[in-house]
Amino acid sequence: MKEARYGFQPMRVDQGEGAKVLVGSSGELLRIDEEGNPLHEPVTPFPASISGGVVMGEFWIGTWVDQELREARMAALPLDGEWNDGGGRQHLREVSDAEMMMPASSIWARRLDAEPMALTRVSKGTVFATLNRGVYMIDDDAKEIWRAPYPEWPGLSKFHHSDTLVTCTEQDGRIALWSRSGSVTLLDGEDGSFVSNHVLDLTGPLAGVEFSEVGGWFLMLENGDVGLLEDLQTTPHVVKTPGPVFDARFADGRWRWTGWRHDGSFFGGKFEIVQRRDVGIALVGDNVVTNDGRWSEFRAAYSRSDE
């Protein structure tokens, strides 16, 4: 078994064109290359967990949430140059409003008055929501492009915290806001105006969604099921897996994913699931980053010769 490479427990990898940021479970950040090699020492810019992050142009934009202290931040860190550690939790407890503590190394930073969620990169900026407050699109400099009301789904009670947004996707100039319940609200990407509501019949709470123009939507459910969806008007094709899926990518005509003790793929109408001993938390090229900080090959079939 390969040795752990990072010195902390990875939670996910935020990926963009030519940039990859490894996010740790205790707020660590580390830029890595295509082969998973660290580009610097891990840093903790802010003493709280990182709830979301996207690579946007020349920056990584992230959100931090401290549930105990009820503090939330959003900040942009440059993808070039040094990143530094920030202050500790004791410092966060002691700072006054006049010297508000912000993530270290940030180009810009903001204090948020509500919990941020569903932070997502889209073609014209970054979209995020704050619980029961609103939905926002901002540019790289944190300038607001538009804001919209937080979506409402009357009578929604299928799952606990059903109105929590888990992610956004973009298609044909429209932004889809996905709730934990499987309810979807479409907004116009130009001005944030309401387009339509949809409700999907799911077997469990929604944990994440990936979208591809060719592959459609890949739904990751908390109970370990995955769903393939071609149209918001149709019913997802649900497949059971050995455990929750934590990352999925569409490339070369197929969906690939990794998760709790397995890797999987879907191609040509067929599913393949291969067991692994560890837990895959991210796909980087043809490799998997595991939750114990290891780098391993993706295990489900991925040869181009069978296409």
Protein backbone atom coordinates (compact mmCIF):
# COMPACT_ATOMS: atom_id res chain seq x y z
CA MET A 1 0.00 0.00 0.00
CA LYS A 2 1.29 3.47 -0.90
CA GLU A 3 2.25 5.83 1.87
CA ALA A 4 0.10 8.79 2.84
CA ARG A 5 1.35 11.90 1.04
CA TYR A 6 -0.20 14.91 2.68
CA GLY A 7 0.00 14.81 6.48
CA PHE A 8 -3.70 15.52 6.98
CA GLN A 9 -7.04 13.91 6.17
CA PRO A 10 -8.29 15.08 2.76
CA MET A 11 -11.97 15.83 2.30
CA ARG A 12 -12.17 16.72 -1.40
CA VAL A 13 -10.26 18.28 -4.32
CA ASP A 14 -11.48 21.54 -5.88
CA GLN A 15 -10.44 21.42 -9.53
CA GLY A 16 -10.18 23.94 -12.34
CA GLU A 17 -8.20 24.33 -15.54
CA GLY A 18 -4.62 23.64 -14.52
CA ALA A 19 -5.22 24.09 -10.78
CA LYS A 20 -6.14 21.61 -8.06
CA VAL A 21 -6.65 22.45 -4.39
CA LEU A 22 -6.76 19.65 -1.82
CA VAL A 23 -9.08 20.50 1.09
CA GLY A 24 -8.58 18.94 4.53
CA SER A 25 -11.18 17.99 7.12
CA SER A 26 -9.76 20.52 9.63
CA GLY A 27 -9.47 23.47 7.26
CA GLU A 28 -6.14 22.56 5.60
CA LEU A 29 -5.42 23.71 2.04
CA LEU A 30 -2.78 22.35 -0.34
CA ARG A 31 -2.25 22.93 -4.05
CA ILE A 32 -1.26 19.74 -5.90
CA ASP A 33 -0.20 18.97 -9.47
CA GLU A 34 -1.67 16.45 -11.94
CA GLU A 35 0.25 13.63 -10.27
CA GLY A 36 -0.87 14.56 -6.79
CA ASN A 37 2.47 16.04 -5.78
CA PRO A 38 2.27 18.87 -3.19
CA LEU A 39 3.28 22.29 -4.50
CA HIS A 40 3.89 23.73 -1.01
CA GLU A 41 3.43 22.89 2.65
CA PRO A 42 -0.20 22.54 3.86
CA VAL A 43 -1.65 25.69 5.42
CA THR A 44 -4.71 26.51 7.51
CA PRO A 45 -5.71 30.08 6.61
CA PHE A 46 -8.71 30.17 8.98
CA PRO A 47 -9.50 28.07 12.07
CA ALA A 48 -12.75 26.52 10.84
CA SER A 49 -13.95 23.82 8.48
CA ILE A 50 -14.15 24.65 4.78
CA SER A 51 -17.73 24.15 3.66
CA GLY A 52 -17.22 24.93 -0.03
CA GLY A 53 -14.58 25.86 -2.59
CA VAL A 54 -14.16 26.50 -6.30
CA VAL A 55 -11.27 27.27 -8.62
CA MET A 56 -12.27 30.41 -10.54
CA GLY A 57 -9.82 31.97 -12.99
CA GLU A 58 -6.67 32.93 -11.07
CA PHE A 59 -8.20 32.34 -7.63
CA TRP A 60 -9.53 29.69 -5.31
CA ILE A 61 -12.70 30.96 -3.64
CA GLY A 62 -13.78 29.24 -0.42
CA THR A 63 -16.22 29.42 2.46
CA TRP A 64 -15.45 28.67 6.11
CA VAL A 65 -18.05 27.93 8.81
CA ASP A 66 -17.55 27.64 12.57
CA GLN A 67 -20.82 26.25 13.92
CA GLU A 68 -19.91 26.74 17.59
CA LEU A 69 -18.99 30.42 17.26
CA ARG A 70 -21.51 31.04 14.48
CA GLU A 71 -18.88 32.62 12.29
CA ALA A 72 -18.75 32.31 8.50
CA ARG A 73 -16.29 33.73 5.98
CA MET A 74 -15.84 33.82 2.22
CA ALA A 75 -12.47 34.66 0.69
CA ALA A 76 -10.39 34.39 -2.47
CA LEU A 77 -6.81 33.09 -2.41
CA PRO A 78 -4.49 33.53 -5.43
CA LEU A 79 -3.40 30.35 -7.19
CA ASP A 80 0.13 31.77 -7.51
CA GLY A 81 2.45 32.77 -4.69
CA GLU A 82 2.68 31.85 -1.03
CA TRP A 83 -0.19 30.77 1.20
CA ASN A 84 0.15 31.24 4.95
CA ASP A 85 -1.40 29.95 8.15
CA GLY A 86 -3.93 32.19 9.87
CA GLY A 87 -4.74 32.69 13.52
CA GLY A 88 -6.07 29.98 15.82
CA ARG A 89 -9.50 29.45 17.36
CA GLN A 90 -8.57 31.31 20.52
CA HIS A 91 -7.70 34.35 18.42
CA LEU A 92 -11.06 34.03 16.65
CA ARG A 93 -12.83 34.05 20.02
CA GLU A 94 -11.00 37.19 21.13
CA VAL A 95 -11.01 39.49 18.09
CA SER A 96 -13.28 42.53 18.13
CA ASP A 97 -15.38 43.83 15.25
CA ALA A 98 -12.75 46.50 14.62
CA GLU A 99 -10.09 43.89 13.92
CA MET A 100 -12.23 41.19 12.36
CA MET A 101 -10.17 38.07 11.66
CA MET A 102 -10.15 36.97 8.02
CA PRO A 103 -8.53 34.03 6.17
CA ALA A 104 -4.78 34.55 5.69
CA SER A 105 -3.33 35.21 2.20
CA SER A 106 -6.71 36.31 0.83
CA ILE A 107 -7.09 38.83 -2.01
CA TRP A 108 -10.52 39.71 -0.68
CA ALA A 109 -12.54 38.40 2.25
CA ARG A 110 -16.04 38.88 3.62
CA ARG A 111 -17.85 38.02 6.83
CA LEU A 112 -21.21 36.36 6.09
CA ASP A 113 -24.28 36.81 8.30
CA ALA A 114 -25.74 33.38 7.45
CA GLU A 115 -24.40 29.93 6.64
CA PRO A 116 -23.15 29.70 3.03
CA MET A 117 -23.98 26.65 0.92
CA ALA A 118 -23.94 25.26 -2.62
CA LEU A 119 -20.88 27.30 -3.68
CA THR A 120 -20.49 26.52 -7.41
CA ARG A 121 -18.46 27.81 -10.35
CA VAL A 122 -20.55 28.80 -13.39
CA SER A 123 -19.61 30.36 -16.72
CA LYS A 124 -20.05 34.00 -15.64
CA GLY A 125 -19.04 33.83 -11.99
CA THR A 126 -19.64 32.01 -8.75
CA VAL A 127 -23.06 31.14 -7.34
CA PHE A 128 -23.79 30.48 -3.67
CA ALA A 129 -26.68 30.70 -1.23
CA THR A 130 -27.12 31.63 2.40
CA LEU A 131 -29.77 29.66 4.27
CA ASN A 132 -33.21 31.27 4.01
CA ARG A 133 -31.62 34.59 2.97
CA GLY A 134 -30.93 34.46 -0.74
CA VAL A 135 -28.99 33.19 -3.76
CA TYR A 136 -26.14 35.26 -5.18
CA MET A 137 -23.87 35.38 -8.21
CA ILE A 138 -20.55 37.21 -7.79
CA ASP A 139 -17.54 37.82 -10.03
CA ASP A 140 -13.87 37.13 -9.22
CA ASP A 141 -13.63 40.40 -7.25
CA ALA A 142 -16.68 39.55 -5.09
CA LYS A 143 -18.83 42.12 -6.91
CA GLU A 144 -22.47 41.08 -6.88
CA ILE A 145 -23.87 40.34 -10.35
CA TRP A 146 -27.37 39.45 -9.15
CA ARG A 147 -29.26 38.14 -6.18
CA ALA A 148 -32.46 36.08 -5.98
CA PRO A 149 -34.80 34.98 -3.18
CA TYR A 150 -34.02 31.71 -1.44
CA PRO A 151 -36.14 29.04 -3.16
CA GLU A 152 -39.28 27.80 -1.47
CA TRP A 153 -41.04 24.48 -1.91
CA PRO A 154 -44.34 24.60 0.05
CA GLY A 155 -45.18 21.40 1.91
CA LEU A 156 -41.69 19.98 1.51
CA SER A 157 -40.98 17.60 4.40
CA LYS A 158 -39.76 14.31 2.95
CA PHE A 159 -36.33 14.54 4.60
CA HIS A 160 -34.91 16.43 7.58
CA HIS A 161 -33.47 19.81 6.47
CA SER A 162 -35.16 19.29 3.10
CA ASP A 163 -34.77 22.94 2.09
CA THR A 164 -30.96 22.89 2.41
CA LEU A 165 -29.24 23.50 -0.94
CA VAL A 166 -26.47 21.03 -1.75
CA THR A 167 -25.16 22.34 -5.09
CA CYS A 168 -25.89 24.19 -8.32
CA THR A 169 -25.51 23.13 -11.95
CA GLU A 170 -25.61 25.14 -15.17
CA GLN A 171 -27.24 24.26 -18.49
CA ASP A 172 -28.25 26.40 -21.47
CA GLY A 173 -27.82 29.65 -19.56
CA ARG A 174 -29.90 28.51 -16.59
CA ILE A 175 -28.79 27.81 -13.03
CA ALA A 176 -30.34 24.80 -11.27
CA LEU A 177 -30.48 24.95 -7.46
CA TRP A 178 -30.63 21.45 -6.00
CA SER A 179 -32.05 20.85 -2.51
CA ARG A 180 -31.39 17.93 -0.20
CA SER A 181 -34.92 16.71 -0.89
CA GLY A 182 -34.38 16.49 -4.66
CA SER A 183 -36.41 19.63 -5.38
CA VAL A 184 -34.88 21.78 -8.11
CA THR A 185 -35.36 25.46 -8.88
CA LEU A 186 -34.23 26.88 -12.22
CA LEU A 187 -33.05 30.51 -12.40
CA ASP A 188 -32.07 32.59 -15.42
CA GLY A 189 -28.27 32.86 -15.41
CA GLU A 190 -28.34 36.47 -16.66
CA ASP A 191 -30.40 38.09 -13.90
CA GLY A 192 -31.37 35.35 -11.42
CA SER A 193 -35.07 35.53 -12.28
CA PHE A 194 -37.26 32.50 -11.55
CA VAL A 195 -37.84 30.03 -14.39
CA SER A 196 -39.43 26.88 -12.95
CA ASN A 197 -39.60 24.35 -10.10
CA HIS A 198 -39.20 20.58 -10.34
CA VAL A 199 -39.40 17.74 -7.82
CA LEU A 200 -37.57 14.43 -8.30
CA ASP A 201 -38.60 11.16 -6.68
CA LEU A 202 -35.46 10.04 -4.81
CA THR A 203 -34.73 7.05 -2.57
CA GLY A 204 -32.77 9.16 -0.08
CA PRO A 205 -31.49 12.68 0.63
CA LEU A 206 -29.41 14.26 -2.11
CA ALA A 207 -25.72 14.75 -1.28
CA GLY A 208 -24.32 16.12 -4.56
CA VAL A 209 -24.84 16.53 -8.30
CA GLU A 210 -22.49 16.61 -11.27
CA PHE A 211 -23.58 17.68 -14.76
CA SER A 212 -22.28 17.01 -18.26
CA GLU A 213 -23.77 18.28 -21.53
CA VAL A 214 -23.28 14.77 -22.94
CA GLY A 215 -23.79 12.61 -19.85
CA GLY A 216 -26.65 14.52 -18.20
CA TRP A 217 -26.93 14.70 -14.41
CA PHE A 218 -25.23 12.32 -11.99
CA LEU A 219 -26.98 12.32 -8.61
CA MET A 220 -25.19 11.20 -5.43
CA LEU A 221 -27.50 10.21 -2.56
CA GLU A 222 -26.62 9.99 1.14
CA ASN A 223 -27.81 6.36 1.32
CA GLY A 224 -25.22 5.24 -1.27
CA ASP A 225 -27.51 5.15 -4.29
CA VAL A 226 -26.58 7.01 -7.48
CA GLY A 227 -29.02 8.30 -10.05
CA LEU A 228 -28.60 9.06 -13.74
CA LEU A 229 -30.92 11.73 -15.10
CA GLU A 230 -31.32 12.84 -18.72
CA ASP A 231 -34.06 15.44 -18.21
CA LEU A 232 -35.60 17.23 -15.24
CA GLN A 233 -39.01 16.04 -16.39
CA THR A 234 -38.03 12.36 -16.18
CA THR A 235 -37.38 9.88 -13.37
CA PRO A 236 -33.74 9.16 -12.42
CA HIS A 237 -32.36 5.70 -13.13
CA VAL A 238 -31.19 4.69 -9.64
CA VAL A 239 -28.41 2.17 -8.95
CA LYS A 240 -27.31 0.93 -5.53
CA THR A 241 -23.62 1.06 -4.64
CA PRO A 242 -21.63 -0.38 -1.68
CA GLY A 243 -21.69 3.02 0.02
CA PRO A 244 -21.88 6.79 -0.49
CA VAL A 245 -20.23 8.29 -3.58
CA PHE A 246 -18.02 11.34 -2.96
CA ASP A 247 -16.88 12.39 -6.43
CA ALA A 248 -17.90 11.79 -10.04
CA ARG A 249 -16.60 12.90 -13.43
CA PHE A 250 -17.78 12.44 -17.02
CA ALA A 251 -15.05 11.90 -19.62
CA ASP A 252 -14.51 9.81 -22.76
CA GLY A 253 -18.19 8.94 -23.01
CA ARG A 254 -18.66 7.54 -19.50
CA TRP A 255 -19.36 8.44 -15.92
CA ARG A 256 -16.74 7.44 -13.37
CA TRP A 257 -17.03 7.79 -9.63
CA THR A 258 -15.33 6.91 -6.36
CA GLY A 259 -16.59 6.59 -2.83
CA TRP A 260 -16.95 4.34 0.20
CA ARG A 261 -14.78 1.29 -0.52
CA HIS A 262 -15.52 1.17 -4.24
CA ASP A 263 -14.98 2.76 -7.65
CA GLY A 264 -17.63 2.68 -10.36
CA SER A 265 -18.27 3.48 -14.00
CA PHE A 266 -21.21 3.67 -16.38
CA PHE A 267 -20.69 3.23 -20.12
CA GLY A 268 -22.83 1.92 -22.93
CA GLY A 269 -25.77 1.28 -20.62
CA LYS A 270 -23.69 -0.90 -18.29
CA PHE A 271 -22.52 -0.32 -14.74
CA GLU A 272 -19.29 -1.64 -13.27
CA ILE A 273 -18.50 -1.47 -9.55
CA VAL A 274 -15.10 -2.57 -8.21
CA GLN A 275 -14.29 -2.78 -4.51
CA ARG A 276 -11.39 -0.94 -2.91
CA ARG A 277 -10.11 -1.26 0.65
CA ASP A 278 -10.16 2.45 1.36
CA VAL A 279 -12.45 5.41 0.73
CA GLY A 280 -12.06 7.47 -2.42
CA ILE A 281 -12.85 11.15 -1.93
CA ALA A 282 -11.78 12.62 -5.29
CA LEU A 283 -10.96 11.71 -8.89
CA VAL A 284 -7.91 13.43 -10.39
CA GLY A 285 -7.37 12.26 -13.95
CA ASP A 286 -7.15 8.46 -13.87
CA ASN A 287 -6.30 8.42 -10.16
CA VAL A 288 -8.12 8.53 -6.84
CA VAL A 289 -7.28 10.52 -3.71
CA THR A 290 -8.31 8.57 -0.60
CA ASN A 291 -9.44 9.86 2.77
CA ASP A 292 -6.21 8.68 4.40
CA GLY A 293 -4.14 10.86 2.08
CA ARG A 294 -3.05 8.23 -0.43
CA TRP A 295 -2.90 8.35 -4.23
CA SER A 296 -4.08 5.26 -6.10
CA GLU A 297 -5.27 4.16 -9.52
CA PHE A 298 -8.95 4.25 -10.38
CA ARG A 299 -10.08 0.62 -10.22
CA ALA A 300 -13.12 0.33 -12.51
CA ALA A 301 -12.47 -0.38 -16.21
CA TYR A 302 -11.28 2.68 -18.06
CA SER A 303 -9.40 1.46 -21.13
CA ARG A 304 -10.11 3.31 -24.37
CA SER A 305 -9.81 0.05 -26.31
CA ASP A 306 -13.30 -1.06 -25.31
CA GLU A 307 -15.02 2.01 -26.76
